[in-house]
Amino acid sequence: MKASNLLLTFVIIVTSLALSACGTTQMTVHYTPISAVDSLTNPGQAAPRIYVRRFADRRADQGNIGGNKNLYGMTINDVKTSDDLGVIIAGAATDALRKGNALADMHSEHAPNDAIPPGELHGYDAVIGGEILAVDVVSKPGWNTVDSQAHVVIRVSVMRNGTTAWIGPIDGTASQSMAGMGGLTTAMSEALDDAIQNCMRNMIDQLRASGALTRT
């Protein structure tokens, strides 16, 4: 057997054993505020005041957010989190709306299906919430890197004047590469962070295109 083939076999075996030995990978979900988005309002238009509520997590396994694969593409363990993604996505949406020139306040104290006490909505132009449809981050070893891809899908609800409109699905994707096996969780975390950011940018684009937050 050629030396190059022996080296390839060695890399595959060592990488697979390293990932398998980790068991379930526990990961904390981070969200880094985005720098800027296009404004939701036209010049001279008053900024809408938005009540943002916790998003409902509609995924079948809410603790599972992905998996680690070996060089053959087989999933060898799961990536889990104990974080409340409904609160994280609501916080990300609040941040993005503020960057889009909306006066947004997050209210995560109510479960997604709970009725909001009418007194809390005084002075707000709209209520934004929604559903998390997918969160997936996958890592796979390369020759000397760990490559991670992440995908997030949401739907957004906009309630105005007693009427609710749904926008979406809205997705965000991203990828990251880190050198060495030590970069495994970092690559996954940064890929998911970037995917959430891209999802929020796409959310603002769709909200602006729909005119859902245009003040009347």
Foldseek 3Di string as FASTA:
>chain_A
DDPVVVVVVVVQVVVLVVQLVVAEAEADADADQDDAAAALADVPAAAFEEEEEFAAEPDPDVQFQEAEAGPVRDGNHTYGYPDDVSQVLSVNLQSLNVRNVHNYDYDHPDDPPDDDPVVVCPPGFKYKYWYWDHWYKYWYDDPFKIKIKIKTWIKMWIDGPNDIDIDDRFMFMFMFIDGHPVCHNVRRNVRRNRRSNRSSNRVSVRCSVVVSRRDD
